[in-house]
Amino acid sequence: AEPPFDPVPGTSTYSFLWRFALDHPFWLRDGE
């Protein structure tokens, strides 16, 4: 079922998921 996220007030439900992508640029070193 839909994952039961409880987001920070004022952010969209799945803001953490999108943030994961935005926090991991291509140029990070391997495994970092």
All heavy atoms as atom14 arrays in JSON, in Angstrom:
{
  "sequence": "AEPPFDPVPGTSTYSFLWRFALDHPFWLRDGE",
  "atom14_mask": [
    [1, 1, 1, 1, 1, 0, 0, 0, 0, 0, 0, 0, 0, 0],
    [1, 1, 1, 1, 1, 1, 1, 1, 1, 0, 0, 0, 0, 0],
    [1, 1, 1, 1, 1, 1, 1, 0, 0, 0, 0, 0, 0, 0],
    [1, 1, 1, 1, 1, 1, 1, 0, 0, 0, 0, 0, 0, 0],
    [1, 1, 1, 1, 1, 1, 1, 1, 1, 1, 1, 0, 0, 0],
    [1, 1, 1, 1, 1, 1, 1, 1, 0, 0, 0, 0, 0, 0],
    [1, 1, 1, 1, 1, 1, 1, 0, 0, 0, 0, 0, 0, 0],
    [1, 1, 1, 1, 1, 1, 1, 0, 0, 0, 0, 0, 0, 0],
    [1, 1, 1, 1, 1, 1, 1, 0, 0, 0, 0, 0, 0, 0],
    [1, 1, 1, 1, 0, 0, 0, 0, 0, 0, 0, 0, 0, 0],
    [1, 1, 1, 1, 1, 1, 1, 0, 0, 0, 0, 0, 0, 0],
    [1, 1, 1, 1, 1, 1, 0, 0, 0, 0, 0, 0, 0, 0],
    [1, 1, 1, 1, 1, 1, 1, 0, 0, 0, 0, 0, 0, 0],
    [1, 1, 1, 1, 1, 1, 1, 1, 1, 1, 1, 1, 0, 0],
    [1, 1, 1, 1, 1, 1, 0, 0, 0, 0, 0, 0, 0, 0],
    [1, 1, 1, 1, 1, 1, 1, 1, 1, 1, 1, 0, 0, 0],
    [1, 1, 1, 1, 1, 1, 1, 1, 0, 0, 0, 0, 0, 0],
    [1, 1, 1, 1, 1, 1, 1, 1, 1, 1, 1, 1, 1, 1],
    [1, 1, 1, 1, 1, 1, 1, 1, 1, 1, 1, 0, 0, 0],
    [1, 1, 1, 1, 1, 1, 1, 1, 1, 1, 1, 0, 0, 0],
    [1, 1, 1, 1, 1, 0, 0, 0, 0, 0, 0, 0, 0, 0],
    [1, 1, 1, 1, 1, 1, 1, 1, 0, 0, 0, 0, 0, 0],
    [1, 1, 1, 1, 1, 1, 1, 1, 0, 0, 0, 0, 0, 0],
    [1, 1, 1, 1, 1, 1, 1, 1, 1, 1, 0, 0, 0, 0],
    [1, 1, 1, 1, 1, 1, 1, 0, 0, 0, 0, 0, 0, 0],
    [1, 1, 1, 1, 1, 1, 1, 1, 1, 1, 1, 0, 0, 0],
    [1, 1, 1, 1, 1, 1, 1, 1, 1, 1, 1, 1, 1, 1],
    [1, 1, 1, 1, 1, 1, 1, 1, 0, 0, 0, 0, 0, 0],
    [1, 1, 1, 1, 1, 1, 1, 1, 1, 1, 1, 0, 0, 0],
    [1, 1, 1, 1, 1, 1, 1, 1, 0, 0, 0, 0, 0, 0],
    [1, 1, 1, 1, 0, 0, 0, 0, 0, 0, 0, 0, 0, 0],
    [1, 1, 1, 1, 1, 1, 1, 1, 1, 0, 0, 0, 0, 0]
  ],
  "atom14_positions": [
    [[0.85, -1.19, 0.0], [0.0, 0.0, 0.0], [0.88, 1.24, 0.0], [2.1, 1.14, 0.12], [-0.9, 0.0, 1.23], [0.0, 0.0, 0.0], [0.0, 0.0, 0.0], [0.0, 0.0, 0.0], [0.0, 0.0, 0.0], [0.0, 0.0, 0.0], [0.0, 0.0, 0.0], [0.0, 0.0, 0.0], [0.0, 0.0, 0.0], [0.0, 0.0, 0.0]],
    [[0.23, 2.39, -0.12], [0.99, 3.64, -0.08], [1.82, 3.71, 1.19], [1.32, 3.45, 2.29], [0.03, 4.83, -0.07], [-0.37, 5.33, -1.42], [-1.34, 6.5, -1.29], [-0.9, 7.57, -0.83], [-2.52, 6.32, -1.63], [0.0, 0.0, 0.0], [0.0, 0.0, 0.0], [0.0, 0.0, 0.0], [0.0, 0.0, 0.0], [0.0, 0.0, 0.0]],
    [[3.1, 4.09, 1.08], [3.9, 4.2, 2.3], [3.36, 5.3, 3.21], [3.0, 6.38, 2.74], [5.31, 4.54, 1.78], [5.16, 4.9, 0.35], [3.86, 4.36, -0.14], [0.0, 0.0, 0.0], [0.0, 0.0, 0.0], [0.0, 0.0, 0.0], [0.0, 0.0, 0.0], [0.0, 0.0, 0.0], [0.0, 0.0, 0.0], [0.0, 0.0, 0.0]],
    [[3.27, 5.01, 4.51], [2.63, 5.94, 5.46], [3.57, 7.04, 5.94], [4.03, 7.03, 7.07], [2.21, 5.0, 6.6], [3.25, 3.92, 6.57], [3.65, 3.75, 5.14], [0.0, 0.0, 0.0], [0.0, 0.0, 0.0], [0.0, 0.0, 0.0], [0.0, 0.0, 0.0], [0.0, 0.0, 0.0], [0.0, 0.0, 0.0], [0.0, 0.0, 0.0]],
    [[3.84, 8.0, 5.08], [4.74, 9.1, 5.46], [4.02, 10.11, 6.35], [2.83, 10.34, 6.2], [5.26, 9.8, 4.2], [6.43, 9.1, 3.57], [6.25, 7.99, 2.77], [7.73, 9.54, 3.81], [7.32, 7.33, 2.2], [8.81, 8.89, 3.25], [8.61, 7.79, 2.45], [0.0, 0.0, 0.0], [0.0, 0.0, 0.0], [0.0, 0.0, 0.0]],
    [[4.79, 10.71, 7.23], [4.29, 11.74, 8.13], [5.22, 12.94, 7.94], [6.17, 13.12, 8.69], [4.33, 11.21, 9.57], [3.69, 12.19, 10.54], [2.95, 13.08, 10.07], [3.93, 12.05, 11.76], [0.0, 0.0, 0.0], [0.0, 0.0, 0.0], [0.0, 0.0, 0.0], [0.0, 0.0, 0.0], [0.0, 0.0, 0.0], [0.0, 0.0, 0.0]],
    [[4.98, 13.76, 6.9], [5.97, 14.76, 6.52], [6.09, 15.93, 7.5], [5.21, 16.14, 8.33], [5.45, 15.26, 5.17], [3.98, 15.04, 5.24], [3.77, 13.8, 6.06], [0.0, 0.0, 0.0], [0.0, 0.0, 0.0], [0.0, 0.0, 0.0], [0.0, 0.0, 0.0], [0.0, 0.0, 0.0], [0.0, 0.0, 0.0], [0.0, 0.0, 0.0]],
    [[7.17, 16.64, 7.39], [7.34, 17.89, 8.14], [6.19, 18.82, 7.74], [5.9, 18.95, 6.54], [8.7, 18.54, 7.8], [8.83, 19.91, 8.41], [9.85, 17.64, 8.26], [0.0, 0.0, 0.0], [0.0, 0.0, 0.0], [0.0, 0.0, 0.0], [0.0, 0.0, 0.0], [0.0, 0.0, 0.0], [0.0, 0.0, 0.0], [0.0, 0.0, 0.0]],
    [[5.53, 19.47, 8.71], [4.43, 20.38, 8.35], [4.87, 21.41, 7.3], [5.99, 21.93, 7.37], [4.09, 21.06, 9.68], [4.5, 20.07, 10.72], [5.71, 19.38, 10.17], [0.0, 0.0, 0.0], [0.0, 0.0, 0.0], [0.0, 0.0, 0.0], [0.0, 0.0, 0.0], [0.0, 0.0, 0.0], [0.0, 0.0, 0.0], [0.0, 0.0, 0.0]],
    [[3.99, 21.64, 6.33], [4.31, 22.61, 5.29], [5.03, 22.02, 4.09], [5.3, 22.73, 3.13], [0.0, 0.0, 0.0], [0.0, 0.0, 0.0], [0.0, 0.0, 0.0], [0.0, 0.0, 0.0], [0.0, 0.0, 0.0], [0.0, 0.0, 0.0], [0.0, 0.0, 0.0], [0.0, 0.0, 0.0], [0.0, 0.0, 0.0], [0.0, 0.0, 0.0]],
    [[5.36, 20.71, 4.14], [6.0, 20.07, 2.98], [5.05, 19.03, 2.4], [4.12, 18.58, 3.07], [7.33, 19.37, 3.37], [7.04, 18.29, 4.28], [8.29, 20.34, 4.03], [0.0, 0.0, 0.0], [0.0, 0.0, 0.0], [0.0, 0.0, 0.0], [0.0, 0.0, 0.0], [0.0, 0.0, 0.0], [0.0, 0.0, 0.0], [0.0, 0.0, 0.0]],
    [[5.29, 18.65, 1.15], [4.43, 17.64, 0.52], [4.69, 16.27, 1.14], [5.74, 16.03, 1.75], [4.67, 17.61, -0.99], [5.97, 17.13, -1.27], [0.0, 0.0, 0.0], [0.0, 0.0, 0.0], [0.0, 0.0, 0.0], [0.0, 0.0, 0.0], [0.0, 0.0, 0.0], [0.0, 0.0, 0.0], [0.0, 0.0, 0.0], [0.0, 0.0, 0.0]],
    [[3.73, 15.38, 0.98], [3.76, 14.09, 1.68], [5.08, 13.34, 1.48], [5.65, 12.79, 2.41], [2.59, 13.22, 1.21], [1.38, 13.93, 1.46], [2.54, 11.9, 1.97], [0.0, 0.0, 0.0], [0.0, 0.0, 0.0], [0.0, 0.0, 0.0], [0.0, 0.0, 0.0], [0.0, 0.0, 0.0], [0.0, 0.0, 0.0], [0.0, 0.0, 0.0]],
    [[5.56, 13.33, 0.23], [6.74, 12.5, -0.07], [8.0, 13.34, -0.28], [8.93, 12.91, -0.96], [6.45, 11.62, -1.3], [5.25, 10.74, -1.07], [4.06, 10.94, -1.76], [5.29, 9.72, -0.11], [2.95, 10.14, -1.51], [4.19, 8.92, 0.13], [3.02, 9.13, -0.57], [1.92, 8.34, -0.31], [0.0, 0.0, 0.0], [0.0, 0.0, 0.0]],
    [[8.03, 14.5, 0.37], [9.17, 15.41, 0.18], [10.51, 14.74, 0.51], [11.53, 15.03, -0.13], [9.0, 16.69, 1.0], [8.79, 16.38, 2.36], [0.0, 0.0, 0.0], [0.0, 0.0, 0.0], [0.0, 0.0, 0.0], [0.0, 0.0, 0.0], [0.0, 0.0, 0.0], [0.0, 0.0, 0.0], [0.0, 0.0, 0.0], [0.0, 0.0, 0.0]],
    [[10.51, 13.82, 1.48], [11.76, 13.14, 1.81], [12.28, 12.31, 0.63], [13.48, 12.24, 0.38], [11.6, 12.24, 3.04], [12.74, 11.27, 3.22], [14.02, 11.72, 3.47], [12.53, 9.89, 3.1], [15.09, 10.83, 3.61], [13.58, 9.0, 3.25], [14.87, 9.48, 3.49], [0.0, 0.0, 0.0], [0.0, 0.0, 0.0], [0.0, 0.0, 0.0]],
    [[11.38, 11.66, -0.11], [11.82, 10.85, -1.26], [12.49, 11.71, -2.31], [13.56, 11.38, -2.82], [10.62, 10.1, -1.87], [9.93, 9.07, -0.99], [8.76, 8.45, -1.73], [10.91, 7.99, -0.52], [0.0, 0.0, 0.0], [0.0, 0.0, 0.0], [0.0, 0.0, 0.0], [0.0, 0.0, 0.0], [0.0, 0.0, 0.0], [0.0, 0.0, 0.0]],
    [[11.85, 12.83, -2.63], [12.45, 13.72, -3.64], [13.76, 14.29, -3.11], [14.73, 14.45, -3.85], [11.48, 14.83, -4.03], [10.04, 14.44, -4.12], [8.99, 15.09, -3.55], [9.46, 13.32, -4.82], [7.8, 14.44, -3.83], [8.07, 13.36, -4.61], [9.99, 12.27, -5.6], [7.19, 12.41, -5.14], [9.12, 11.32, -6.13], [7.74, 11.39, -5.9]],
    [[13.79, 14.57, -1.83], [15.0, 15.12, -1.24], [16.17, 14.14, -1.34], [17.32, 14.55, -1.54], [14.76, 15.49, 0.24], [16.03, 16.0, 0.88], [15.85, 16.73, 2.17], [17.17, 17.13, 2.64], [17.38, 17.72, 3.8], [16.38, 18.03, 4.6], [18.62, 18.04, 4.17], [0.0, 0.0, 0.0], [0.0, 0.0, 0.0], [0.0, 0.0, 0.0]],
    [[15.89, 12.85, -1.2], [16.96, 11.86, -1.36], [17.66, 12.05, -2.7], [18.89, 12.05, -2.79], [16.41, 10.43, -1.25], [17.47, 9.38, -1.47], [18.28, 8.95, -0.43], [17.68, 8.84, -2.74], [19.29, 8.0, -0.64], [18.68, 7.89, -2.97], [19.48, 7.48, -1.91], [0.0, 0.0, 0.0], [0.0, 0.0, 0.0], [0.0, 0.0, 0.0]],
    [[16.86, 12.2, -3.76], [17.44, 12.41, -5.1], [18.24, 13.72, -5.13], [19.35, 13.76, -5.69], [16.35, 12.42, -6.15], [0.0, 0.0, 0.0], [0.0, 0.0, 0.0], [0.0, 0.0, 0.0], [0.0, 0.0, 0.0], [0.0, 0.0, 0.0], [0.0, 0.0, 0.0], [0.0, 0.0, 0.0], [0.0, 0.0, 0.0], [0.0, 0.0, 0.0]],
    [[17.7, 14.77, -4.53], [18.34, 16.09, -4.6], [19.59, 16.17, -3.72], [20.42, 17.07, -3.9], [17.34, 17.18, -4.18], [16.02, 17.2, -4.97], [15.13, 18.33, -4.48], [16.24, 17.3, -6.47], [0.0, 0.0, 0.0], [0.0, 0.0, 0.0], [0.0, 0.0, 0.0], [0.0, 0.0, 0.0], [0.0, 0.0, 0.0], [0.0, 0.0, 0.0]],
    [[19.73, 15.25, -2.81], [20.89, 15.24, -1.9], [22.04, 14.35, -2.41], [23.06, 14.21, -1.74], [20.48, 14.73, -0.51], [19.74, 15.78, 0.31], [19.77, 16.97, -0.07], [19.14, 15.42, 1.34], [0.0, 0.0, 0.0], [0.0, 0.0, 0.0], [0.0, 0.0, 0.0], [0.0, 0.0, 0.0], [0.0, 0.0, 0.0], [0.0, 0.0, 0.0]],
    [[21.87, 13.74, -3.59], [22.89, 12.8, -4.07], [23.31, 13.1, -5.5], [22.87, 12.44, -6.44], [22.38, 11.35, -3.92], [22.31, 10.92, -2.49], [21.19, 11.09, -1.71], [23.25, 10.35, -1.7], [21.44, 10.64, -0.48], [22.68, 10.19, -0.44], [0.0, 0.0, 0.0], [0.0, 0.0, 0.0], [0.0, 0.0, 0.0], [0.0, 0.0, 0.0]],
    [[24.18, 14.11, -5.67], [24.67, 14.43, -7.01], [25.55, 13.31, -7.57], [26.11, 12.5, -6.83], [25.48, 15.71, -6.8], [25.85, 15.73, -5.36], [24.75, 15.0, -4.63], [0.0, 0.0, 0.0], [0.0, 0.0, 0.0], [0.0, 0.0, 0.0], [0.0, 0.0, 0.0], [0.0, 0.0, 0.0], [0.0, 0.0, 0.0], [0.0, 0.0, 0.0]],
    [[25.67, 13.3, -8.89], [26.42, 12.26, -9.61], [27.87, 12.17, -9.13], [28.46, 11.1, -9.09], [26.39, 12.57, -11.11], [27.04, 11.52, -11.96], [26.3, 10.47, -12.48], [28.4, 11.56, -12.26], [26.89, 9.49, -13.27], [29.0, 10.58, -13.05], [28.23, 9.54, -13.55], [0.0, 0.0, 0.0], [0.0, 0.0, 0.0], [0.0, 0.0, 0.0]],
    [[28.44, 13.31, -8.76], [29.89, 13.37, -8.51], [30.32, 12.93, -7.11], [31.5, 12.97, -6.79], [30.43, 14.76, -8.81], [29.6, 15.9, -8.28], [28.68, 16.64, -8.97], [29.61, 16.46, -6.97], [28.12, 17.6, -8.17], [28.67, 17.51, -6.94], [30.33, 16.14, -5.8], [28.43, 18.27, -5.8], [30.08, 16.89, -4.66], [29.14, 17.94, -4.67]],
    [[29.38, 12.49, -6.28], [29.8, 11.91, -4.99], [30.74, 10.74, -5.25], [30.62, 10.03, -6.24], [28.58, 11.4, -4.21], [27.65, 12.45, -3.62], [26.4, 11.77, -3.06], [28.35, 13.26, -2.53], [0.0, 0.0, 0.0], [0.0, 0.0, 0.0], [0.0, 0.0, 0.0], [0.0, 0.0, 0.0], [0.0, 0.0, 0.0], [0.0, 0.0, 0.0]],
    [[31.68, 10.54, -4.36], [32.59, 9.4, -4.54], [31.84, 8.09, -4.31], [30.81, 8.05, -3.65], [33.76, 9.52, -3.56], [34.63, 10.72, -3.9], [35.9, 10.72, -3.1], [36.75, 11.83, -3.53], [38.0, 12.0, -3.13], [38.55, 11.12, -2.3], [38.7, 13.02, -3.54], [0.0, 0.0, 0.0], [0.0, 0.0, 0.0], [0.0, 0.0, 0.0]],
    [[32.41, 7.02, -4.83], [31.76, 5.71, -4.76], [31.4, 5.35, -3.32], [32.24, 5.39, -2.43], [32.68, 4.62, -5.33], [32.84, 4.73, -6.83], [32.14, 5.56, -7.45], [33.67, 3.99, -7.39], [0.0, 0.0, 0.0], [0.0, 0.0, 0.0], [0.0, 0.0, 0.0], [0.0, 0.0, 0.0], [0.0, 0.0, 0.0], [0.0, 0.0, 0.0]],
    [[30.13, 4.99, -3.12], [29.68, 4.54, -1.81], [29.46, 5.65, -0.8], [29.18, 5.38, 0.36], [0.0, 0.0, 0.0], [0.0, 0.0, 0.0], [0.0, 0.0, 0.0], [0.0, 0.0, 0.0], [0.0, 0.0, 0.0], [0.0, 0.0, 0.0], [0.0, 0.0, 0.0], [0.0, 0.0, 0.0], [0.0, 0.0, 0.0], [0.0, 0.0, 0.0]],
    [[29.55, 6.91, -1.27], [29.5, 8.04, -0.34], [28.11, 8.69, -0.35], [27.42, 8.68, -1.36], [30.51, 9.09, -0.81], [31.34, 9.66, 0.29], [32.49, 10.51, -0.28], [32.28, 11.29, -1.21], [33.59, 10.37, 0.24], [0.0, 0.0, 0.0], [0.0, 0.0, 0.0], [0.0, 0.0, 0.0], [0.0, 0.0, 0.0], [0.0, 0.0, 0.0]]
  ]
}
